[in-house]
Protein backbone atom coordinates (compact mmCIF):
# COMPACT_ATOMS: atom_id res chain seq x y z
CA UNK A 1 -3.72 4.28 -116.31
CA UNK A 2 -7.42 3.48 -118.10
CA UNK A 3 -10.29 3.44 -116.14
CA UNK A 4 -10.89 -0.16 -116.66
CA UNK A 5 -7.77 -0.67 -115.01
CA UNK A 6 -8.17 1.77 -111.91
CA UNK A 7 -11.32 0.10 -111.05
CA UNK A 8 -9.68 -3.41 -110.91
CA UNK A 9 -6.78 -2.09 -109.00
CA UNK A 10 -9.42 -0.62 -106.76
CA UNK A 11 -11.19 -3.87 -106.65
CA UNK A 12 -8.56 -5.96 -105.74
CA UNK A 13 -6.86 -3.91 -103.18
CA UNK A 14 -10.24 -3.46 -101.48
CA UNK A 15 -10.79 -7.44 -101.73
CA UNK A 16 -7.47 -8.07 -100.17
CA UNK A 17 -8.39 -5.62 -97.43
CA UNK A 18 -11.67 -7.50 -96.61
CA UNK A 19 -10.05 -11.00 -96.62
CA UNK A 20 -7.32 -9.73 -94.12
CA UNK A 21 -9.52 -7.97 -91.69
CA UNK A 22 -12.38 -10.01 -91.00
CA UNK A 23 -15.06 -7.33 -90.19
CA UNK A 24 -18.12 -7.32 -88.22
CA UNK A 25 -21.01 -6.38 -90.84
CA UNK A 26 -23.14 -3.66 -90.22
CA UNK A 27 -20.97 -1.94 -87.75
CA UNK A 28 -20.29 1.78 -87.37
CA UNK A 29 -16.74 1.26 -87.14
CA UNK A 30 -15.05 -1.91 -88.58
CA UNK A 31 -13.79 -4.18 -86.04
CA UNK A 32 -11.35 -7.06 -86.33
CA UNK A 33 -13.06 -10.18 -85.33
CA UNK A 34 -11.36 -12.11 -82.63
CA UNK A 35 -9.36 -15.27 -83.03
CA UNK A 36 -12.34 -17.27 -82.91
CA UNK A 37 -13.98 -15.75 -86.07
CA UNK A 38 -17.16 -15.11 -83.97
CA UNK A 39 -19.22 -11.95 -83.83
CA UNK A 40 -20.86 -13.08 -80.61
CA UNK A 41 -17.34 -12.96 -78.70
CA UNK A 42 -16.62 -9.39 -79.56
CA UNK A 43 -16.42 -7.07 -76.61
CA UNK A 44 -20.05 -5.31 -75.86
CA UNK A 45 -20.46 -1.97 -76.96
CA UNK A 46 -20.48 0.49 -73.93
CA UNK A 47 -24.01 1.87 -73.04
CA UNK A 48 -24.48 5.13 -71.26
CA UNK A 49 -26.19 4.43 -67.70
CA UNK A 50 -27.80 7.65 -65.66
CA UNK A 51 -25.36 8.49 -62.91
CA UNK A 52 -27.47 9.48 -59.93
CA UNK A 53 -26.37 10.12 -56.18
CA UNK A 54 -26.26 6.84 -55.07
CA UNK A 55 -23.63 6.08 -57.88
CA UNK A 56 -21.50 8.18 -56.03
CA UNK A 57 -21.27 6.23 -52.61
CA UNK A 58 -20.29 2.85 -52.06
CA UNK A 59 -23.55 0.92 -50.98
CA UNK A 60 -21.47 -1.16 -48.54
CA UNK A 61 -18.14 -0.95 -46.32
CA UNK A 62 -16.49 -3.97 -45.61
CA UNK A 63 -13.83 -4.42 -43.00
CA UNK A 64 -11.92 -7.68 -42.38
CA UNK A 65 -10.77 -8.51 -38.92
CA UNK A 66 -7.78 -10.82 -39.19
CA UNK A 67 -7.29 -13.56 -36.64
CA UNK A 68 -4.74 -16.62 -36.55
CA UNK A 69 -6.14 -20.06 -36.59
CA UNK A 70 -4.43 -23.42 -36.27
CA UNK A 71 -5.24 -25.42 -39.10
CA UNK A 72 -4.34 -29.43 -39.18
CA UNK A 73 -3.35 -30.58 -42.36
CA UNK A 74 -3.55 -34.53 -42.61
CA UNK A 75 -0.49 -36.05 -44.69
CA UNK A 76 -0.34 -37.82 -46.46
CA UNK A 77 -3.32 -36.26 -48.43
CA UNK A 78 -6.80 -37.95 -48.62
CA UNK A 79 -7.05 -39.94 -51.56
CA UNK A 80 -9.88 -38.88 -53.78
CA UNK A 81 -11.58 -40.79 -56.80
CA UNK A 82 -11.44 -38.54 -59.90
CA UNK A 83 -14.52 -37.80 -61.75
CA UNK A 84 -13.99 -37.62 -65.64
CA UNK A 85 -16.56 -37.82 -68.57
CA UNK A 86 -15.66 -38.38 -72.19
CA UNK A 87 -14.20 -35.27 -73.53
CA UNK A 88 -16.51 -32.98 -75.55
CA UNK A 89 -15.27 -33.21 -79.49
CA UNK A 90 -15.18 -30.00 -81.39
CA UNK A 91 -18.20 -28.44 -82.78
CA UNK A 92 -18.78 -28.68 -86.76
CA UNK A 93 -17.59 -25.89 -88.29
CA UNK A 94 -21.13 -24.29 -89.56
CA UNK A 95 -21.93 -24.14 -85.64
CA UNK A 96 -18.46 -23.38 -84.00
CA UNK A 97 -19.86 -19.96 -82.65
CA UNK A 98 -22.75 -21.55 -81.00
CA UNK A 99 -22.29 -21.51 -77.28
CA UNK A 100 -22.42 -25.18 -76.34
CA UNK A 101 -23.50 -24.47 -72.63
CA UNK A 102 -25.08 -21.12 -72.41
CA UNK A 103 -26.49 -22.12 -68.97
CA UNK A 104 -23.30 -22.63 -67.72
CA UNK A 105 -21.22 -19.71 -69.38
CA UNK A 106 -23.27 -16.91 -70.61
CA UNK A 107 -23.37 -14.07 -67.99
CA UNK A 108 -26.82 -12.97 -67.22
CA UNK A 109 -27.95 -9.49 -68.08
CA UNK A 110 -26.92 -7.00 -65.50
CA UNK A 111 -29.75 -5.17 -63.60
CA UNK A 112 -30.38 -1.40 -64.21
CA UNK A 113 -29.06 0.92 -61.49
CA UNK A 114 -31.64 2.04 -59.38
CA UNK A 115 -35.52 1.26 -58.98
CA UNK A 116 -36.74 0.43 -62.54
CA UNK A 117 -33.65 1.92 -64.02
CA UNK A 118 -33.96 5.32 -62.63
CA UNK A 119 -31.51 7.30 -60.92
CA UNK A 120 -29.81 6.04 -57.97
CA UNK A 121 -31.05 7.20 -54.46
CA UNK A 122 -28.55 8.54 -51.87
CA UNK A 123 -28.65 6.26 -48.69
CA UNK A 124 -26.24 5.84 -45.87
CA UNK A 125 -23.74 3.14 -46.67
CA UNK A 126 -23.97 -0.09 -44.99
CA UNK A 127 -20.83 -1.09 -42.61
CA UNK A 128 -20.09 -4.54 -42.10
CA UNK A 129 -17.23 -6.36 -40.13
CA UNK A 130 -16.09 -9.66 -41.14
CA UNK A 131 -13.63 -12.23 -39.08
CA UNK A 132 -10.72 -13.29 -41.60
CA UNK A 133 -8.81 -16.26 -40.44
CA UNK A 134 -5.02 -16.21 -41.23
CA UNK A 135 -4.28 -20.11 -41.41
CA UNK A 136 -1.29 -21.59 -39.49
CA UNK A 137 -1.20 -24.96 -41.23
CA UNK A 138 0.84 -27.71 -39.43
CA UNK A 139 1.05 -31.55 -40.83
CA UNK A 140 -1.00 -34.39 -38.77
CA UNK A 141 -0.98 -38.14 -39.48
CA UNK A 142 -3.61 -39.41 -41.66
CA UNK A 143 -5.13 -42.44 -39.95
CA UNK A 144 -6.78 -43.33 -43.49
CA UNK A 145 -3.77 -42.88 -45.47
CA UNK A 146 -3.45 -44.66 -48.75
CA UNK A 147 -0.81 -47.31 -48.57
CA UNK A 148 2.51 -46.20 -50.59
CA UNK A 149 4.22 -48.46 -53.00
CA UNK A 150 7.72 -49.81 -52.28
CA UNK A 151 10.28 -47.08 -53.29
CA UNK A 152 12.53 -48.20 -56.24
CA UNK A 153 15.67 -50.33 -55.63
CA UNK A 154 18.82 -47.91 -55.15
CA UNK A 155 21.39 -48.05 -58.20
CA UNK A 156 24.50 -46.70 -58.95
CA UNK A 157 24.79 -44.91 -62.37
CA UNK A 158 28.32 -44.24 -62.28
CA UNK A 159 29.83 -41.44 -64.11
CA UNK A 160 30.64 -40.47 -67.58
CA UNK A 161 32.56 -37.92 -69.40
CA UNK A 162 30.57 -34.97 -70.94
CA UNK A 163 32.98 -32.09 -72.10
CA UNK A 164 31.93 -28.73 -73.42
CA UNK A 165 31.73 -28.28 -76.95
CA UNK A 166 31.93 -24.82 -78.87
CA UNK A 167 28.94 -22.46 -78.86
CA UNK A 168 27.01 -22.58 -82.04
CA UNK A 169 26.84 -19.09 -84.00
CA UNK A 170 24.45 -16.69 -82.51
CA UNK A 171 21.02 -17.34 -83.71
CA UNK A 172 19.39 -14.49 -85.76
CA UNK A 173 15.80 -13.71 -85.08
CA UNK A 174 14.41 -11.85 -88.34
CA UNK A 175 10.62 -11.45 -87.22
CA UNK A 176 8.31 -12.31 -84.15
CA UNK A 177 4.65 -11.90 -84.50
CA UNK A 178 1.29 -12.48 -82.87
CA UNK A 179 -0.76 -15.36 -84.37
CA UNK A 180 -3.84 -15.95 -82.21
CA UNK A 181 -5.43 -16.20 -79.02
CA UNK A 182 -5.04 -19.35 -77.68
CA UNK A 183 -7.00 -19.25 -74.33
CA UNK A 184 -10.04 -17.19 -72.87
CA UNK A 185 -12.74 -15.22 -74.58
CA UNK A 186 -11.99 -14.78 -78.20
CA UNK A 187 -9.74 -17.52 -78.42
CA UNK A 188 -9.39 -19.98 -81.34
CA UNK A 189 -11.07 -22.67 -79.72
CA UNK A 190 -13.32 -20.82 -77.61
CA UNK A 191 -11.93 -21.97 -74.13
CA UNK A 192 -14.28 -19.77 -72.34
CA UNK A 193 -17.36 -21.29 -73.57
CA UNK A 194 -16.32 -24.99 -74.23
CA UNK A 195 -14.42 -25.68 -70.91
CA UNK A 196 -14.92 -22.71 -68.50
CA UNK A 197 -11.61 -21.36 -69.15
CA UNK A 198 -11.68 -17.95 -69.01
CA UNK A 199 -8.57 -17.08 -67.45
CA UNK A 200 -5.44 -18.82 -67.70
CA UNK A 201 -1.46 -19.20 -68.37
CA UNK A 202 1.59 -21.00 -69.35
CA UNK A 203 0.39 -23.27 -72.69
CA UNK A 204 3.32 -25.95 -71.98
CA UNK A 205 3.26 -28.55 -74.82
CA UNK A 206 4.73 -31.96 -76.03
CA UNK A 207 3.78 -34.59 -78.47
CA UNK A 208 1.92 -37.06 -76.38
CA UNK A 209 1.48 -39.51 -79.25
CA UNK A 210 2.36 -39.29 -82.70
CA UNK A 211 -0.39 -36.71 -84.43
CA UNK A 212 -1.19 -35.26 -81.08
CA UNK A 213 0.22 -32.34 -78.82
CA UNK A 214 -0.85 -32.35 -75.12
CA UNK A 215 -0.98 -28.79 -73.83
CA UNK A 216 -1.06 -28.12 -70.01
CA UNK A 217 -2.13 -24.68 -68.32
CA UNK A 218 -1.43 -23.38 -64.98
CA UNK A 219 -4.00 -21.70 -62.34
CA UNK A 220 -7.07 -21.78 -64.38
CA UNK A 221 -10.34 -19.73 -63.40
CA UNK A 222 -13.89 -19.36 -64.72
CA UNK A 223 -16.90 -17.31 -63.74
CA UNK A 224 -15.81 -13.87 -62.16
CA UNK A 225 -12.46 -13.61 -63.91
CA UNK A 226 -11.62 -10.23 -64.84
CA UNK A 227 -8.23 -9.19 -65.97
CA UNK A 228 -5.54 -8.17 -64.85
CA UNK A 229 -3.87 -11.15 -62.97
CA UNK A 230 -4.98 -14.65 -61.84
CA UNK A 231 -8.29 -14.12 -59.93
CA UNK A 232 -12.37 -15.20 -60.21
CA UNK A 233 -13.98 -18.46 -59.27
CA UNK A 234 -13.93 -22.03 -60.09
CA UNK A 235 -9.92 -22.10 -59.57
CA UNK A 236 -8.21 -25.12 -61.02
CA UNK A 237 -4.45 -25.35 -60.33
CA UNK A 238 -3.84 -27.03 -63.81
CA UNK A 239 -5.56 -28.59 -66.56
CA UNK A 240 -4.56 -30.25 -69.63
CA UNK A 241 -5.76 -29.82 -73.59
CA UNK A 242 -5.01 -31.85 -76.56
CA UNK A 243 -4.29 -30.62 -80.31
CA UNK A 244 -3.82 -32.45 -83.46
CA UNK A 245 -3.47 -28.90 -85.25
CA UNK A 246 -0.56 -29.06 -87.82
CA UNK A 247 -1.65 -25.53 -89.50
CA UNK A 248 0.10 -23.48 -86.94
CA UNK A 249 0.16 -20.20 -89.16
CA UNK A 250 -3.60 -19.59 -88.22
CA UNK A 251 -3.60 -20.40 -84.85
CA UNK A 252 -3.61 -23.43 -82.55
CA UNK A 253 -6.77 -25.09 -82.22
CA UNK A 254 -7.37 -27.15 -78.90
CA UNK A 255 -9.50 -30.07 -79.92
CA UNK A 256 -10.55 -31.47 -76.58
CA UNK A 257 -9.51 -31.10 -72.67
CA UNK A 258 -9.86 -33.60 -69.74
CA UNK A 259 -13.45 -32.99 -68.21
CA UNK A 260 -15.09 -33.80 -64.97
CA UNK A 261 -18.57 -32.37 -66.26
CA UNK A 262 -20.59 -30.67 -69.19
CA UNK A 263 -18.35 -27.46 -70.32
CA UNK A 264 -15.66 -27.75 -67.72
CA UNK A 265 -11.93 -28.64 -67.93
CA UNK A 266 -10.95 -30.70 -64.78
CA UNK A 267 -7.74 -30.26 -62.55
CA UNK A 268 -5.75 -32.99 -63.27
CA UNK A 269 -2.51 -33.04 -60.83
CA UNK A 270 -3.71 -32.91 -57.08
CA UNK A 271 -3.05 -29.65 -55.14
CA UNK A 272 -3.85 -28.82 -51.60
CA UNK A 273 -4.81 -25.38 -51.87
CA UNK A 274 -3.46 -24.51 -48.57
CA UNK A 275 -1.50 -20.82 -48.38
CA UNK A 276 1.81 -21.48 -46.70
CA UNK A 277 1.66 -25.25 -47.16
CA UNK A 278 0.78 -26.06 -50.77
CA UNK A 279 -1.01 -23.06 -52.35
CA UNK A 280 -0.82 -24.69 -55.81
CA UNK A 281 0.81 -27.06 -58.19
CA UNK A 282 1.94 -25.71 -61.56
CA UNK A 283 3.01 -27.52 -64.51
CA UNK A 284 6.61 -26.74 -65.80
CA UNK A 285 7.15 -29.35 -68.71
CA UNK A 286 5.95 -32.48 -70.14
CA UNK A 287 7.20 -35.27 -72.21
CA UNK A 288 6.06 -39.09 -73.24
CA UNK A 289 7.77 -42.43 -73.21
CA UNK A 290 6.08 -45.02 -74.95
CA UNK A 291 2.24 -44.98 -73.64
CA UNK A 292 3.10 -43.45 -70.65
CA UNK A 293 2.62 -39.13 -70.15
CA UNK A 294 5.09 -37.61 -67.53
CA UNK A 295 4.73 -33.93 -66.06
CA UNK A 296 7.12 -32.09 -64.11
CA UNK A 297 5.54 -29.62 -61.49
CA UNK A 298 6.24 -27.29 -58.82
CA UNK A 299 4.47 -27.58 -55.67
CA UNK A 300 4.23 -23.82 -54.62
CA UNK A 301 4.08 -23.04 -50.72
CA UNK A 302 3.36 -19.39 -51.27
CA UNK A 303 3.69 -16.67 -53.65
CA UNK A 304 5.88 -13.87 -52.90
CA UNK A 305 5.00 -10.23 -52.29
CA UNK A 306 7.25 -9.35 -55.18
CA UNK A 307 6.51 -10.07 -58.85
CA UNK A 308 8.29 -13.10 -60.19
CA UNK A 309 9.44 -14.23 -56.75
CA UNK A 310 7.63 -17.35 -55.00
CA UNK A 311 8.47 -19.91 -52.54
CA UNK A 312 8.45 -24.13 -53.42
CA UNK A 313 8.20 -27.24 -51.23
CA UNK A 314 9.68 -29.06 -53.84
CA UNK A 315 9.87 -29.92 -57.72
CA UNK A 316 8.50 -33.27 -58.79
CA UNK A 317 7.11 -35.51 -61.42
CA UNK A 318 3.54 -37.04 -62.11
CA UNK A 319 2.86 -39.33 -64.48
CA UNK A 320 -0.39 -40.96 -66.46
CA UNK A 321 -1.01 -44.17 -67.70
CA UNK A 322 -4.56 -43.63 -69.26
CA UNK A 323 -3.85 -40.78 -71.73
CA UNK A 324 -3.28 -37.86 -69.80
CA UNK A 325 -6.78 -38.19 -67.88
CA UNK A 326 -5.53 -38.91 -64.32
CA UNK A 327 -2.27 -38.00 -62.90
CA UNK A 328 -0.02 -39.66 -60.08
CA UNK A 329 2.14 -37.62 -58.19
CA UNK A 330 5.28 -39.97 -57.56
CA UNK A 331 5.90 -40.08 -53.87
CA UNK A 332 9.71 -40.36 -54.04
CA UNK A 333 10.84 -38.68 -56.96
CA UNK A 334 10.78 -34.92 -55.87
CA UNK A 335 13.45 -32.55 -54.89
CA UNK A 336 12.93 -31.22 -51.90
CA UNK A 337 13.57 -27.28 -51.56
CA UNK A 338 16.15 -26.86 -48.89
CA UNK A 339 16.17 -23.08 -47.20
CA UNK A 340 14.56 -22.17 -50.60
CA UNK A 341 17.94 -22.44 -52.46
CA UNK A 342 17.61 -25.96 -54.08
CA UNK A 343 17.91 -26.32 -57.75
CA UNK A 344 15.42 -28.10 -60.02
CA UNK A 345 12.41 -26.40 -58.58
CA UNK A 346 11.11 -25.52 -61.81
CA UNK A 347 12.30 -28.08 -64.51
CA UNK A 348 12.22 -28.66 -68.04
CA UNK A 349 12.85 -32.47 -68.73
CA UNK A 350 13.68 -33.64 -72.56
CA UNK A 351 13.93 -37.30 -73.83
CA UNK A 352 16.58 -37.58 -76.47
CA UNK A 353 18.46 -40.81 -77.52
CA UNK A 354 18.63 -43.22 -74.26
CA UNK A 355 18.37 -40.68 -71.69
CA UNK A 356 15.95 -37.90 -70.37
CA UNK A 357 17.67 -34.77 -69.57
CA UNK A 358 16.67 -32.28 -66.99
CA UNK A 359 17.22 -28.61 -67.07
CA UNK A 360 16.18 -26.60 -63.77
CA UNK A 361 16.55 -23.68 -61.94
CA UNK A 362 15.68 -22.68 -58.20
CA UNK A 363 12.43 -21.20 -57.50
CA UNK A 364 11.17 -18.16 -58.74
CA UNK A 365 12.61 -16.44 -62.00
CA UNK A 366 16.20 -15.26 -60.63
CA UNK A 367 18.45 -18.54 -60.63
CA UNK A 368 20.33 -19.90 -62.96
CA UNK A 369 20.58 -23.37 -64.85
CA UNK A 370 21.72 -26.54 -63.95
CA UNK A 371 21.51 -29.83 -65.88
CA UNK A 372 20.68 -33.73 -65.00
CA UNK A 373 19.97 -36.86 -67.04
CA UNK A 374 18.61 -40.44 -66.03
CA UNK A 375 18.13 -43.33 -68.73
CA UNK A 376 14.45 -43.64 -69.82
CA UNK A 377 13.58 -46.78 -68.15
CA UNK A 378 14.61 -45.29 -64.78
CA UNK A 379 12.95 -42.08 -64.87
CA UNK A 380 11.00 -42.79 -61.77
CA UNK A 381 14.40 -43.82 -59.76
CA UNK A 382 15.89 -40.63 -58.22
CA UNK A 383 19.08 -42.46 -57.41
CA UNK A 384 19.55 -43.31 -61.03
CA UNK A 385 19.79 -39.80 -61.88
CA UNK A 386 23.41 -38.22 -62.87
CA UNK A 387 24.14 -34.50 -62.57
CA UNK A 388 26.35 -32.70 -64.92
CA UNK A 389 29.08 -31.12 -62.99
CA UNK A 390 32.60 -29.57 -64.34
CA UNK A 391 32.55 -31.81 -67.40
CA UNK A 392 31.35 -35.22 -65.94
CA UNK A 393 28.14 -36.73 -65.45
CA UNK A 394 28.17 -37.55 -61.55
CA UNK A 395 25.77 -39.46 -59.19
CA UNK A 396 24.80 -37.34 -55.91
CA UNK A 397 22.37 -37.20 -53.37
CA UNK A 398 22.54 -33.27 -53.64
CA UNK A 399 21.01 -31.70 -56.42
CA UNK A 400 23.06 -28.48 -55.82
CA UNK A 401 25.96 -30.80 -56.92
CA UNK A 402 25.06 -29.71 -60.97
CA UNK A 403 27.21 -27.11 -62.00
CA UNK A 404 26.02 -23.86 -63.70
CA UNK A 405 25.31 -23.90 -67.23
CA UNK A 406 24.74 -20.40 -67.27
CA UNK A 407 24.34 -17.43 -65.11
CA UNK A 408 20.66 -16.21 -64.38
CA UNK A 409 17.96 -14.76 -64.25
CA UNK A 410 16.12 -17.34 -66.03
CA UNK A 411 12.30 -17.52 -65.50
CA UNK A 412 10.17 -20.78 -66.86
CA UNK A 413 12.56 -22.64 -69.09
CA UNK A 414 11.33 -24.31 -72.37
CA UNK A 415 13.83 -26.83 -73.74
CA UNK A 416 13.41 -29.01 -76.92
CA UNK A 417 16.07 -30.90 -79.31
CA UNK A 418 15.59 -30.10 -82.55
CA UNK A 419 16.40 -33.01 -84.94
CA UNK A 420 16.43 -30.65 -88.36
CA UNK A 421 19.30 -28.69 -86.99
CA UNK A 422 20.81 -30.99 -84.52
CA UNK A 423 20.52 -28.31 -81.98
CA UNK A 424 19.37 -27.60 -78.31
CA UNK A 425 16.97 -24.81 -78.35
CA UNK A 426 16.03 -23.33 -74.77
CA UNK A 427 13.69 -20.26 -74.28
CA UNK A 428 13.26 -18.71 -70.98
CA UNK A 429 12.29 -15.21 -69.46
CA UNK A 430 15.16 -12.70 -68.39
CA UNK A 431 13.41 -10.41 -66.06
CA UNK A 432 16.40 -7.73 -66.19
CA UNK A 433 15.88 -7.81 -69.77
CA UNK A 434 12.05 -7.70 -69.57
CA UNK A 435 12.13 -10.34 -72.76
CA UNK A 436 11.67 -13.77 -73.60
CA UNK A 437 15.16 -15.00 -74.98
CA UNK A 438 16.20 -17.86 -76.99
CA UNK A 439 19.88 -19.61 -76.89
CA UNK A 440 20.93 -22.54 -78.77
CA UNK A 441 23.83 -25.63 -77.98
CA UNK A 442 25.18 -28.63 -79.65
CA UNK A 443 25.27 -30.55 -76.47
CA UNK A 444 22.66 -30.31 -73.41
CA UNK A 445 25.72 -29.09 -71.14
CA UNK A 446 26.75 -26.49 -73.69
CA UNK A 447 28.51 -24.34 -74.50
CA UNK A 448 25.40 -22.33 -74.90
CA UNK A 449 25.15 -19.34 -77.03
CA UNK A 450 24.60 -15.78 -75.97
CA UNK A 451 20.63 -15.17 -75.51
CA UNK A 452 19.02 -13.46 -78.61
CA UNK A 453 15.49 -11.57 -77.69
CA UNK A 454 12.45 -13.11 -78.86
CA UNK A 455 9.97 -10.80 -77.75
CA UNK A 456 10.03 -7.63 -75.32
CA UNK A 457 7.45 -6.55 -72.70
CA UNK A 458 7.37 -3.23 -74.51
CA UNK A 459 5.57 -5.25 -77.15
CA UNK A 460 3.84 -7.43 -74.87
CA UNK A 461 3.18 -6.31 -71.88
CA UNK A 462 3.67 -7.91 -68.67
CA UNK A 463 4.92 -11.30 -70.76
CA UNK A 464 6.23 -14.40 -69.29
CA UNK A 465 6.14 -18.11 -70.40
CA UNK A 466 7.72 -18.78 -73.65
CA UNK A 467 7.12 -22.66 -74.28
CA UNK A 468 8.11 -24.18 -77.39
CA UNK A 469 5.67 -25.96 -79.85
CA UNK A 470 7.26 -29.32 -80.64
CA UNK A 471 6.07 -28.94 -84.11
CA UNK A 472 8.27 -26.16 -85.06
CA UNK A 473 9.99 -26.75 -88.29
CA UNK A 474 12.13 -25.09 -90.87
CA UNK A 475 12.80 -21.48 -89.65
CA UNK A 476 9.47 -21.18 -87.83
CA UNK A 477 9.46 -21.05 -84.15
CA UNK A 478 6.30 -21.40 -82.46
CA UNK A 479 5.90 -20.67 -78.78
CA UNK A 480 2.98 -19.66 -76.37
CA UNK A 481 3.31 -16.27 -74.49
CA UNK A 482 1.25 -15.68 -71.21
CA UNK A 483 0.71 -11.93 -70.14
CA UNK A 484 -0.39 -10.96 -66.62
CA UNK A 485 -2.17 -7.92 -68.03
CA UNK A 486 -4.33 -10.39 -69.71
CA UNK A 487 -3.90 -13.43 -68.05
CA UNK A 488 -4.27 -15.58 -71.17
CA UNK A 489 -2.10 -17.10 -73.34
CA UNK A 490 -1.04 -16.16 -77.03
CA UNK A 491 0.62 -18.24 -80.07
CA UNK A 492 3.36 -16.60 -81.24
CA UNK A 493 5.82 -17.07 -84.27
CA UNK A 494 9.50 -16.30 -84.95
CA UNK A 495 11.51 -16.74 -87.58
CA UNK A 496 14.74 -17.84 -86.78
CA UNK A 497 17.98 -18.46 -88.91
């Protein structure tokens, strides 16, 4: 090889490396830029601090003194007037790395330890005791309760045949790769800086209108958030954003979020935030019929002590008639959780043809999958639902009348109908396998294929979620993935054949 050719090859390889790994200029050790592409989103370099005797002993010991306290809870809950401002639009590309609200989102510089940065002095720690109430909530009538609309008229949907079809061949997953960080520090759309979304999970998507994807997230935190897990200040049970990004191979941009103030995403579906009553309301799926948006949710009574186990009050449906800005929890369309064993507490609803199909599991991530359907015009009428049972669609007052499509453990279903392949696709967390898995079927009632692995917890620690992007096409299956270790959401890409 001639010297000129060697230099050309060296230059080509070097250029490719630089192009494929955005490096921080001037750094002693090259570091890849985060998904935002912004140098100022890189974690700060650790600085050596002087350690003195005062750093060895805590400055304060705090002891909580728990005591029981009765807490009356008005029912129905008070109606609050929602506060909304126009959603802030994406910044121009040249200013994408400029912090839009540094007064709200940028942390203040910590003061050095010890006086004037000197070594800490040894002093006796302060001991404090604090009374901590353990609330025992109980419902009381609300004298100012808003007037409820009348329930829809009862209907008899009858029954129809729904036989099983042969299971499709097993999907072949050729590769799965991480694409980008969707939420939190360094995310594609810098959610921490633009909306004070520093820690969140889920990322449930549906096409809210042509050319737009709605993205719903679960428990969300702002200042004070530190992974792992859900923690920090500015707790919002759920938030929603919108994306028009069709070029998913380099990440998914969130254009706007529903806001109540500058640089702040607002909670959109009400939650009482009372432990052992209604701690939070978590979205589980979404869909649109015409100009109305629908979101299934679970009303969580309490999180369990065992990971992946919780208790719900009910699974329900909320709707929005103003493009997702404000939401109403339908007071009649809910599946109450009787003795903690009721089906359709964690639901995924999918419109297809004349019907909306509802796949659901009991609370937690251990149950099996049931199926119901309702005509699109009757989505908010619970009496119009039919449950799939032993080869037939049957009406029933008991949601547990639904047959098991396949056994668990199944957690956080995501279902879509793929018109390109005329197949139903379902992803969910299998806690025994420790993986997000994929199944397919010719008909919603199945038979469903055996599960194939998409992502294992050995590759993405403490994973869960796995929600399909509606604009996945061809052999590309894009989905969001949450991790408890980071308590944020990533975009993933699988090649499925």
